[in-house]
Protein backbone atom coordinates (compact mmCIF):
# COMPACT_ATOMS: atom_id res chain seq x y z
CA UNK A 1 -1.36 -11.52 -22.56
CA UNK A 2 1.12 -12.59 -20.21
CA UNK A 3 1.50 -10.73 -17.04
CA UNK A 4 4.47 -10.88 -14.23
CA UNK A 5 3.34 -9.70 -10.31
CA UNK A 6 6.29 -8.37 -8.71
CA UNK A 7 5.91 -9.76 -4.84
CA UNK A 8 4.48 -12.10 -2.39
CA UNK A 9 2.16 -10.47 -0.18
CA UNK A 10 -1.62 -9.81 0.28
CA UNK A 11 -1.72 -6.68 -2.15
CA UNK A 12 0.24 -9.02 -4.86
CA UNK A 13 -2.27 -11.83 -4.47
CA UNK A 14 -5.24 -9.23 -4.84
CA UNK A 15 -3.63 -8.24 -7.96
CA UNK A 16 -3.33 -11.62 -9.33
CA UNK A 17 -7.24 -12.22 -8.22
CA UNK A 18 -8.09 -9.21 -10.28
CA UNK A 19 -6.26 -10.15 -13.15
CA UNK A 20 -7.27 -13.78 -13.39
CA UNK A 21 -10.88 -11.98 -14.37
CA UNK A 22 -9.55 -10.07 -16.84
CA UNK A 23 -10.44 -11.35 -20.43
CA UNK A 24 -7.19 -10.20 -21.94
CA UNK A 25 -5.18 -12.12 -19.99
CA UNK A 26 -3.85 -15.57 -20.74
CA UNK A 27 -1.09 -16.46 -18.38
CA UNK A 28 -0.28 -14.80 -14.82
CA UNK A 29 3.23 -15.28 -13.24
CA UNK A 30 4.43 -13.80 -10.05
CA UNK A 31 8.04 -13.63 -8.35
CA UNK A 32 8.06 -14.98 -5.76
CA UNK A 33 4.63 -15.26 -5.38
CA UNK A 34 2.99 -17.23 -2.48
CA UNK A 35 1.23 -20.77 -1.78
CA UNK A 36 -2.24 -19.09 -1.87
CA UNK A 37 -2.00 -17.27 -5.21
CA UNK A 38 -0.59 -20.73 -7.18
CA UNK A 39 -4.11 -21.19 -7.96
CA UNK A 40 -4.10 -18.37 -10.29
CA UNK A 41 -0.50 -17.61 -11.01
CA UNK A 42 2.44 -19.74 -11.77
CA UNK A 43 4.84 -18.71 -9.07
CA UNK A 44 8.34 -18.43 -9.57
CA UNK A 45 11.69 -18.40 -7.14
CA UNK A 46 12.90 -15.19 -8.59
CA UNK A 47 14.71 -12.49 -6.35
CA UNK A 48 13.79 -9.21 -8.05
CA UNK A 49 17.19 -8.00 -6.93
CA UNK A 50 18.71 -10.24 -9.58
CA UNK A 51 18.11 -7.91 -12.53
CA UNK A 52 19.64 -10.08 -15.28
CA UNK A 53 17.64 -13.24 -14.04
CA UNK A 54 14.56 -11.61 -14.09
CA UNK A 55 14.98 -9.83 -17.42
CA UNK A 56 15.94 -13.15 -18.98
CA UNK A 57 12.89 -14.86 -17.47
CA UNK A 58 10.71 -11.81 -18.93
CA UNK A 59 12.25 -12.20 -22.36
CA UNK A 60 12.43 -15.99 -22.43
CA UNK A 61 8.53 -16.15 -21.37
CA UNK A 62 7.53 -13.37 -23.58
CA UNK A 63 6.00 -11.42 -20.70
CA UNK A 64 3.81 -8.52 -22.04
CA UNK A 65 4.28 -6.21 -19.17
CA UNK A 66 5.44 -6.47 -15.17
CA UNK A 67 3.31 -5.10 -12.24
CA UNK A 68 5.34 -4.16 -9.52
CA UNK A 69 3.79 -4.56 -6.07
CA UNK A 70 6.01 -3.50 -3.37
CA UNK A 71 7.82 -0.02 -2.46
CA UNK A 72 11.45 -1.64 -2.26
CA UNK A 73 11.97 -2.64 -5.75
CA UNK A 74 10.44 0.61 -6.96
CA UNK A 75 12.64 2.93 -4.79
CA UNK A 76 15.70 0.66 -6.14
CA UNK A 77 14.85 1.41 -9.35
CA UNK A 78 13.71 -2.08 -11.14
CA UNK A 79 11.22 -0.42 -13.07
CA UNK A 80 13.53 1.86 -14.98
CA UNK A 81 16.25 -1.70 -15.63
CA UNK A 82 13.25 -3.39 -16.98
CA UNK A 83 12.01 -0.61 -19.14
CA UNK A 84 15.83 0.01 -20.42
CA UNK A 85 15.66 -3.66 -21.57
CA UNK A 86 12.32 -3.06 -23.32
CA UNK A 87 10.16 -4.74 -20.45
CA UNK A 88 6.91 -2.81 -20.00
CA UNK A 89 6.15 -1.72 -16.36
CA UNK A 90 3.66 -0.50 -14.23
CA UNK A 91 5.33 1.50 -11.60
CA UNK A 92 7.48 4.67 -11.55
CA UNK A 93 10.95 4.74 -12.03
CA UNK A 94 13.29 5.55 -9.22
CA UNK A 95 13.02 9.36 -9.34
CA UNK A 96 9.28 9.26 -9.19
CA UNK A 97 9.63 6.32 -6.34
CA UNK A 98 11.50 9.02 -4.23
CA UNK A 99 8.28 10.54 -3.57
CA UNK A 100 8.09 7.29 -1.24
CA UNK A 101 11.64 6.57 -0.36
CA UNK A 102 12.59 9.96 0.72
CA UNK A 103 10.08 11.96 3.11
CA UNK A 104 12.43 15.03 2.46
CA UNK A 105 12.52 14.90 -1.17
CA UNK A 106 8.46 14.43 -1.01
CA UNK A 107 8.73 17.46 1.66
CA UNK A 108 10.05 19.67 -1.31
CA UNK A 109 8.32 18.57 -3.60
CA UNK A 110 5.03 19.27 -2.09
CA UNK A 111 6.43 22.81 -1.28
CA UNK A 112 7.31 23.26 -5.02
CA UNK A 113 4.04 22.16 -6.34
CA UNK A 114 2.08 24.20 -4.00
CA UNK A 115 0.04 21.77 -2.22
CA UNK A 116 -0.86 22.33 1.51
CA UNK A 117 1.17 20.43 4.07
CA UNK A 118 2.58 20.57 7.55
CA UNK A 119 5.52 23.16 8.69
CA UNK A 120 8.72 21.13 8.64
CA UNK A 121 12.44 21.23 9.02
CA UNK A 122 14.93 19.00 8.16
CA UNK A 123 17.05 17.38 11.09
CA UNK A 124 20.07 15.27 11.06
CA UNK A 125 21.24 15.39 14.65
CA UNK A 126 20.23 15.41 18.35
CA UNK A 127 21.19 18.84 18.45
CA UNK A 128 19.63 20.25 15.44
CA UNK A 129 16.47 18.63 16.63
CA UNK A 130 16.81 20.53 19.79
CA UNK A 131 17.24 23.70 17.82
CA UNK A 132 14.57 23.04 15.40
CA UNK A 133 11.78 22.18 18.17
CA UNK A 134 11.71 25.78 19.27
CA UNK A 135 9.71 26.67 16.18
CA UNK A 136 7.25 23.86 16.76
CA UNK A 137 4.56 23.21 19.53
CA UNK A 138 3.98 19.53 20.94
CA UNK A 139 2.87 17.14 20.02
CA UNK A 140 5.89 16.64 17.74
CA UNK A 141 6.43 14.49 14.57
CA UNK A 142 9.74 13.07 13.62
CA UNK A 143 10.06 10.98 10.63
CA UNK A 144 12.92 9.40 9.45
CA UNK A 145 13.75 10.08 5.66
CA UNK A 146 14.25 6.55 4.08
CA UNK A 147 11.98 3.41 4.03
CA UNK A 148 11.27 1.79 7.55
CA UNK A 149 8.73 -0.52 6.80
CA UNK A 150 6.17 1.25 8.83
CA UNK A 151 8.12 2.15 11.88
CA UNK A 152 9.77 5.61 10.89
CA UNK A 153 7.53 7.93 12.09
CA UNK A 154 7.05 8.90 15.75
CA UNK A 155 4.48 10.98 17.31
CA UNK A 156 6.06 12.66 20.70
CA UNK A 157 4.11 14.15 23.27
CA UNK A 158 6.82 16.14 24.95
CA UNK A 159 10.04 17.53 24.37
CA UNK A 160 11.71 14.41 26.35
CA UNK A 161 9.79 11.85 24.19
CA UNK A 162 11.30 13.60 20.88
CA UNK A 163 14.88 13.62 22.12
CA UNK A 164 14.65 10.30 23.16
CA UNK A 165 13.41 9.51 19.59
CA UNK A 166 16.07 11.67 18.06
CA UNK A 167 18.72 9.81 20.14
CA UNK A 168 17.47 6.50 18.90
CA UNK A 169 17.78 7.93 15.40
CA UNK A 170 21.05 9.42 15.19
CA UNK A 171 22.66 8.15 17.68
CA UNK A 172 21.63 4.47 18.38
CA UNK A 173 21.18 4.21 14.41
CA UNK A 174 18.03 1.83 15.54
CA UNK A 175 16.65 2.62 11.78
CA UNK A 176 20.46 2.52 10.30
CA UNK A 177 20.63 4.46 6.80
CA UNK A 178 16.96 5.32 6.74
CA UNK A 179 17.31 7.31 9.89
CA UNK A 180 20.45 9.36 8.92
CA UNK A 181 18.05 12.43 8.14
CA UNK A 182 14.63 13.02 9.46
CA UNK A 183 11.62 15.36 9.22
CA UNK A 184 10.59 17.39 12.30
CA UNK A 185 7.07 18.71 11.24
CA UNK A 186 4.33 20.39 13.10
CA UNK A 187 1.61 18.06 14.55
CA UNK A 188 -2.07 18.51 12.70
CA UNK A 189 -5.12 17.35 14.59
CA UNK A 190 -8.21 15.91 12.26
CA UNK A 191 -8.75 12.71 10.56
CA UNK A 192 -6.67 10.52 7.77
CA UNK A 193 -7.66 9.14 4.84
CA UNK A 194 -5.90 7.77 1.80
CA UNK A 195 -6.74 9.08 -1.77
CA UNK A 196 -5.38 6.93 -4.84
CA UNK A 197 -5.15 7.55 -8.61
CA UNK A 198 -3.87 5.89 -11.63
CA UNK A 199 -1.62 7.98 -13.47
CA UNK A 200 0.40 7.97 -16.30
CA UNK A 201 2.27 11.10 -15.48
CA UNK A 202 -0.14 13.78 -16.80
CA UNK A 203 -3.32 11.90 -16.89
CA UNK A 204 -4.85 10.67 -14.02
CA UNK A 205 -8.29 9.12 -12.65
CA UNK A 206 -9.25 8.65 -9.10
CA UNK A 207 -9.74 5.29 -7.79
CA UNK A 208 -12.34 4.40 -5.09
CA UNK A 209 -11.41 5.73 -1.56
CA UNK A 210 -10.76 2.86 0.91
CA UNK A 211 -11.32 3.21 4.71
CA UNK A 212 -8.38 1.46 6.69
CA UNK A 213 -8.54 0.29 10.28
CA UNK A 214 -4.97 0.37 11.59
CA UNK A 215 -5.31 -0.29 15.29
CA UNK A 216 -5.36 -3.60 16.53
CA UNK A 217 -8.47 -4.04 18.44
CA UNK A 218 -12.14 -3.05 18.29
CA UNK A 219 -13.16 0.52 18.61
CA UNK A 220 -9.56 1.66 17.45
CA UNK A 221 -7.82 0.51 20.34
CA UNK A 222 -4.49 -1.08 20.87
CA UNK A 223 -1.17 -0.77 18.52
CA UNK A 224 -1.06 0.51 15.29
CA UNK A 225 -0.59 -2.32 12.69
CA UNK A 226 -0.12 -2.63 8.93
CA UNK A 227 -3.98 -2.70 8.84
CA UNK A 228 -6.64 -4.90 10.31
CA UNK A 229 -9.29 -4.25 7.43
CA UNK A 230 -10.51 -2.06 5.06
CA UNK A 231 -13.83 -0.99 3.63
CA UNK A 232 -14.69 0.82 0.02
CA UNK A 233 -16.23 3.02 -1.18
CA UNK A 234 -16.09 5.38 1.55
CA UNK A 235 -18.34 8.21 0.61
CA UNK A 236 -17.25 11.73 1.40
CA UNK A 237 -18.53 15.38 0.74
CA UNK A 238 -18.22 16.35 -3.01
CA UNK A 239 -16.90 19.74 -1.87
CA UNK A 240 -13.92 17.69 -0.04
CA UNK A 241 -13.50 15.62 -2.82
CA UNK A 242 -13.23 18.46 -5.45
CA UNK A 243 -10.83 20.54 -3.02
CA UNK A 244 -8.87 17.28 -2.75
CA UNK A 245 -8.36 16.77 -6.56
CA UNK A 246 -8.02 20.62 -7.31
CA UNK A 247 -5.68 21.66 -4.38
CA UNK A 248 -3.66 18.37 -4.11
CA UNK A 249 -4.04 15.82 -7.00
CA UNK A 250 -3.69 18.02 -9.60
CA UNK A 251 -0.69 20.02 -8.66
CA UNK A 252 0.85 16.94 -7.90
CA UNK A 253 0.32 15.56 -11.13
CA UNK A 254 1.26 18.49 -13.09
CA UNK A 255 4.88 18.83 -11.25
CA UNK A 256 5.47 15.21 -12.02
CA UNK A 257 5.06 16.05 -15.72
CA UNK A 258 7.10 19.49 -15.42
CA UNK A 259 9.78 17.32 -14.12
CA UNK A 260 9.41 14.74 -16.50
CA UNK A 261 9.41 11.90 -14.27
CA UNK A 262 8.24 8.62 -15.64
CA UNK A 263 5.35 7.82 -13.66
CA UNK A 264 3.18 5.05 -14.77
CA UNK A 265 1.05 3.52 -11.85
CA UNK A 266 -0.28 4.34 -8.78
CA UNK A 267 -0.14 7.57 -6.75
CA UNK A 268 -1.11 7.08 -3.19
CA UNK A 269 -1.69 10.29 -1.26
CA UNK A 270 -2.11 9.91 2.60
CA UNK A 271 -4.17 12.98 3.54
CA UNK A 272 -4.92 14.64 7.03
CA UNK A 273 -8.32 16.28 7.20
CA UNK A 274 -8.28 19.24 9.51
CA UNK A 275 -10.79 21.93 10.14
CA UNK A 276 -9.01 23.97 7.46
CA UNK A 277 -9.16 21.39 5.01
CA UNK A 278 -7.07 18.67 3.58
CA UNK A 279 -3.39 18.50 3.99
CA UNK A 280 -0.76 16.21 2.54
CA UNK A 281 0.94 13.84 5.07
CA UNK A 282 2.81 11.63 2.62
CA UNK A 283 2.91 10.02 -0.80
CA UNK A 284 3.49 6.56 -1.76
CA UNK A 285 3.87 5.27 -5.34
CA UNK A 286 1.75 2.01 -5.60
CA UNK A 287 -0.80 0.22 -4.24
CA UNK A 288 -1.86 0.18 -0.36
CA UNK A 289 -2.05 -2.99 1.24
CA UNK A 290 -4.92 -4.02 2.33
CA UNK A 291 -6.67 -1.23 0.52
CA UNK A 292 -5.88 -3.10 -2.79
CA UNK A 293 -8.22 -5.97 -1.60
CA UNK A 294 -11.31 -3.65 -1.47
CA UNK A 295 -10.30 -1.21 -4.22
CA UNK A 296 -9.44 -3.86 -7.37
CA UNK A 297 -12.81 -5.79 -7.08
CA UNK A 298 -14.68 -2.29 -7.35
CA UNK A 299 -13.06 -1.29 -10.95
CA UNK A 300 -15.36 -2.41 -14.08
CA UNK A 301 -13.85 -3.24 -17.14
CA UNK A 302 -10.60 -5.25 -18.40
CA UNK A 303 -7.80 -4.46 -15.85
CA UNK A 304 -5.27 -6.40 -18.08
CA UNK A 305 -5.93 -4.17 -20.75
CA UNK A 306 -6.09 -1.02 -18.51
CA UNK A 307 -2.69 -1.82 -17.14
CA UNK A 308 -1.14 -2.65 -20.06
CA UNK A 309 -2.06 0.37 -21.90
CA UNK A 310 -0.74 2.20 -18.37
CA UNK A 311 2.36 0.52 -18.61
CA UNK A 312 2.54 1.97 -22.04
CA UNK A 313 2.06 5.21 -20.90
CA UNK A 314 -1.54 5.56 -22.10
CA UNK A 315 -4.62 5.90 -20.06
CA UNK A 316 -7.80 3.79 -21.01
CA UNK A 317 -11.27 4.51 -19.57
CA UNK A 318 -12.61 2.05 -16.79
CA UNK A 319 -15.51 2.08 -14.96
CA UNK A 320 -16.80 1.42 -11.25
CA UNK A 321 -19.07 -1.25 -9.95
CA UNK A 322 -22.07 0.07 -8.05
CA UNK A 323 -21.04 -2.19 -4.98
CA UNK A 324 -19.31 -2.44 -1.76
CA UNK A 325 -16.33 -4.18 -0.62
CA UNK A 326 -14.99 -5.28 2.97
CA UNK A 327 -11.61 -7.15 3.63
CA UNK A 328 -11.25 -8.45 7.55
CA UNK A 329 -7.66 -9.26 8.26
CA UNK A 330 -6.93 -12.55 10.07
CA UNK A 331 -3.53 -12.22 11.71
CA UNK A 332 -1.12 -14.25 13.59
CA UNK A 333 -1.01 -14.62 17.43
CA UNK A 334 1.57 -11.90 18.81
CA UNK A 335 0.76 -9.44 15.96
CA UNK A 336 1.85 -6.89 15.31
CA UNK A 337 5.07 -7.14 18.06
CA UNK A 338 5.83 -10.61 17.75
CA UNK A 339 3.77 -12.59 15.12
CA UNK A 340 4.00 -16.49 15.94
CA UNK A 341 4.93 -18.38 12.71
CA UNK A 342 4.42 -21.91 12.19
CA UNK A 343 0.85 -22.47 13.92
CA UNK A 344 -1.30 -25.02 11.74
CA UNK A 345 -4.38 -23.41 10.27
CA UNK A 346 -7.80 -25.40 10.26
CA UNK A 347 -10.66 -24.78 8.06
CA UNK A 348 -11.38 -24.39 4.23
CA UNK A 349 -8.89 -22.24 2.82
CA UNK A 350 -9.96 -22.69 -0.48
CA UNK A 351 -13.64 -21.71 -0.10
CA UNK A 352 -14.64 -19.16 -2.71
CA UNK A 353 -17.59 -17.38 -4.30
CA UNK A 354 -18.41 -14.62 -6.55
CA UNK A 355 -18.93 -12.57 -3.53
CA UNK A 356 -16.16 -13.98 -0.76
CA UNK A 357 -12.86 -15.31 -1.05
CA UNK A 358 -9.29 -15.54 0.91
CA UNK A 359 -6.66 -13.09 -0.16
CA UNK A 360 -3.16 -14.89 1.09
CA UNK A 361 -0.40 -12.67 2.76
CA UNK A 362 0.97 -14.89 5.26
CA UNK A 363 0.52 -18.65 4.51
CA UNK A 364 2.65 -21.54 3.70
CA UNK A 365 1.22 -25.21 2.23
CA UNK A 366 3.35 -28.26 3.09
CA UNK A 367 3.69 -30.82 0.53
CA UNK A 368 1.01 -33.01 2.18
CA UNK A 369 -1.45 -30.00 1.76
CA UNK A 370 -1.64 -28.55 5.20
CA UNK A 371 -1.64 -24.69 5.67
CA UNK A 372 0.21 -22.89 8.67
CA UNK A 373 0.91 -19.19 9.57
CA UNK A 374 3.79 -17.47 7.58
CA UNK A 375 3.69 -13.83 8.72
CA UNK A 376 1.98 -11.35 10.52
CA UNK A 377 -0.98 -10.51 8.44
CA UNK A 378 -2.02 -13.92 7.34
CA UNK A 379 -5.04 -13.89 5.45
CA UNK A 380 -7.73 -11.37 4.21
CA UNK A 381 -11.35 -12.51 4.20
CA UNK A 382 -13.10 -10.49 1.49
CA UNK A 383 -16.74 -9.78 0.89
CA UNK A 384 -18.77 -8.31 -1.74
CA UNK A 385 -22.28 -6.93 -1.51
CA UNK A 386 -24.75 -4.49 -2.89
CA UNK A 387 -24.43 -2.62 0.44
CA UNK A 388 -21.67 -2.08 2.98
CA UNK A 389 -23.98 -4.26 5.41
CA UNK A 390 -24.19 -7.10 2.97
CA UNK A 391 -20.35 -6.88 1.91
CA UNK A 392 -19.57 -7.02 5.66
CA UNK A 393 -21.81 -9.98 6.30
CA UNK A 394 -20.02 -12.05 3.44
CA UNK A 395 -16.47 -11.04 4.74
CA UNK A 396 -17.10 -12.21 8.26
CA UNK A 397 -18.68 -15.42 6.96
CA UNK A 398 -15.79 -15.95 4.86
CA UNK A 399 -13.17 -15.16 7.88
CA UNK A 400 -15.09 -17.64 10.08
CA UNK A 401 -13.77 -20.57 7.82
CA UNK A 402 -10.32 -20.39 8.61
CA UNK A 403 -8.89 -20.85 12.44
CA UNK A 404 -5.56 -20.94 14.43
CA UNK A 405 -4.46 -20.91 17.94
CA UNK A 406 -4.11 -17.06 18.77
CA UNK A 407 -5.70 -15.68 15.91
CA UNK A 408 -6.24 -11.85 16.15
CA UNK A 409 -8.88 -10.25 14.16
CA UNK A 410 -11.64 -7.26 14.68
CA UNK A 411 -15.11 -7.49 14.75
CA UNK A 412 -16.10 -4.21 13.85
CA UNK A 413 -14.50 -3.59 10.59
CA UNK A 414 -16.99 -1.53 8.62
CA UNK A 415 -19.56 -1.29 11.28
CA UNK A 416 -19.34 2.51 11.36
């Protein structure tokens, strides 16, 4: 089979890497892809927004299915435009992707599904925030309604801070259309985790749980980032897993089916584990990054067939490997605030074994074969092993093979 992966980051390279090991896959294409994944995929300078050109490529190349990686094309409705022309797709249609594209839509969906979530109010002005905040206690959580590249959630310790953030959203328009409306939520103390399932919109299967490390520096200090590393599988209390699946996953999938949403892909549920049990923070409608880098290596089976059948609306069995995986993110100087691009990378980026390799997220290769930094998160050093410590050792040994000035990385990924 031939597959086209939409996207250009670490998540998409992880998908390409996993599909390259699939016996049913004969060709992997990526649009636009990146220089690092060109060893396993044919990369094409196609813009997903140019739907006609993309559909023409799929039909001409006889692509068997498309896997859409990022959220923007899903929210924009690319999946249904492809399906309308007979192209099979892993990814929800526009209405299903609203679970990620609109925080307000997602929250009302949670209420209708009866899943536990924080109390909330919909706000659209500084005045409405002043009125609604009387129903909540600090700290306050203010969430922009639309996609904001991870910059739309504000935890405000005081009313003054809350009003300042509301002023930014509604009067200064700092997030544009994404911040025209917002949610004001009651803060819930606890610890966060992500729970991912593959689903065809009525059946579902849980994926290994990955633990993300969001803070820039060791011991969870410094600013939040897109992710400085991940480990999997995270072992949790079986009773907690049962509650998550019974009280949250099953009702969510049931309502997706009742609403007739075309949802063939990944439902990513962000959870807060409170003293009273799990509650839902948010839905995402695709794989996470860098969680994908450690989840996919643990799936056992022909993933090409699994994803192809999912694109057709069918779930087929797959197993889980009795292994551990660790991904250490190597980031640019200045990340996350102002990543410095263009810095030369030294080392062996082609170094690879059965238990350690690089995932490219923000690299560029010049015609003379030299690599340079092209984004905030640059490389993911992935290590596999029979134990978490073994996987961690492999990941850090791999990480040591790439160097550049000002490189940022944590030294405690998977140490807890």
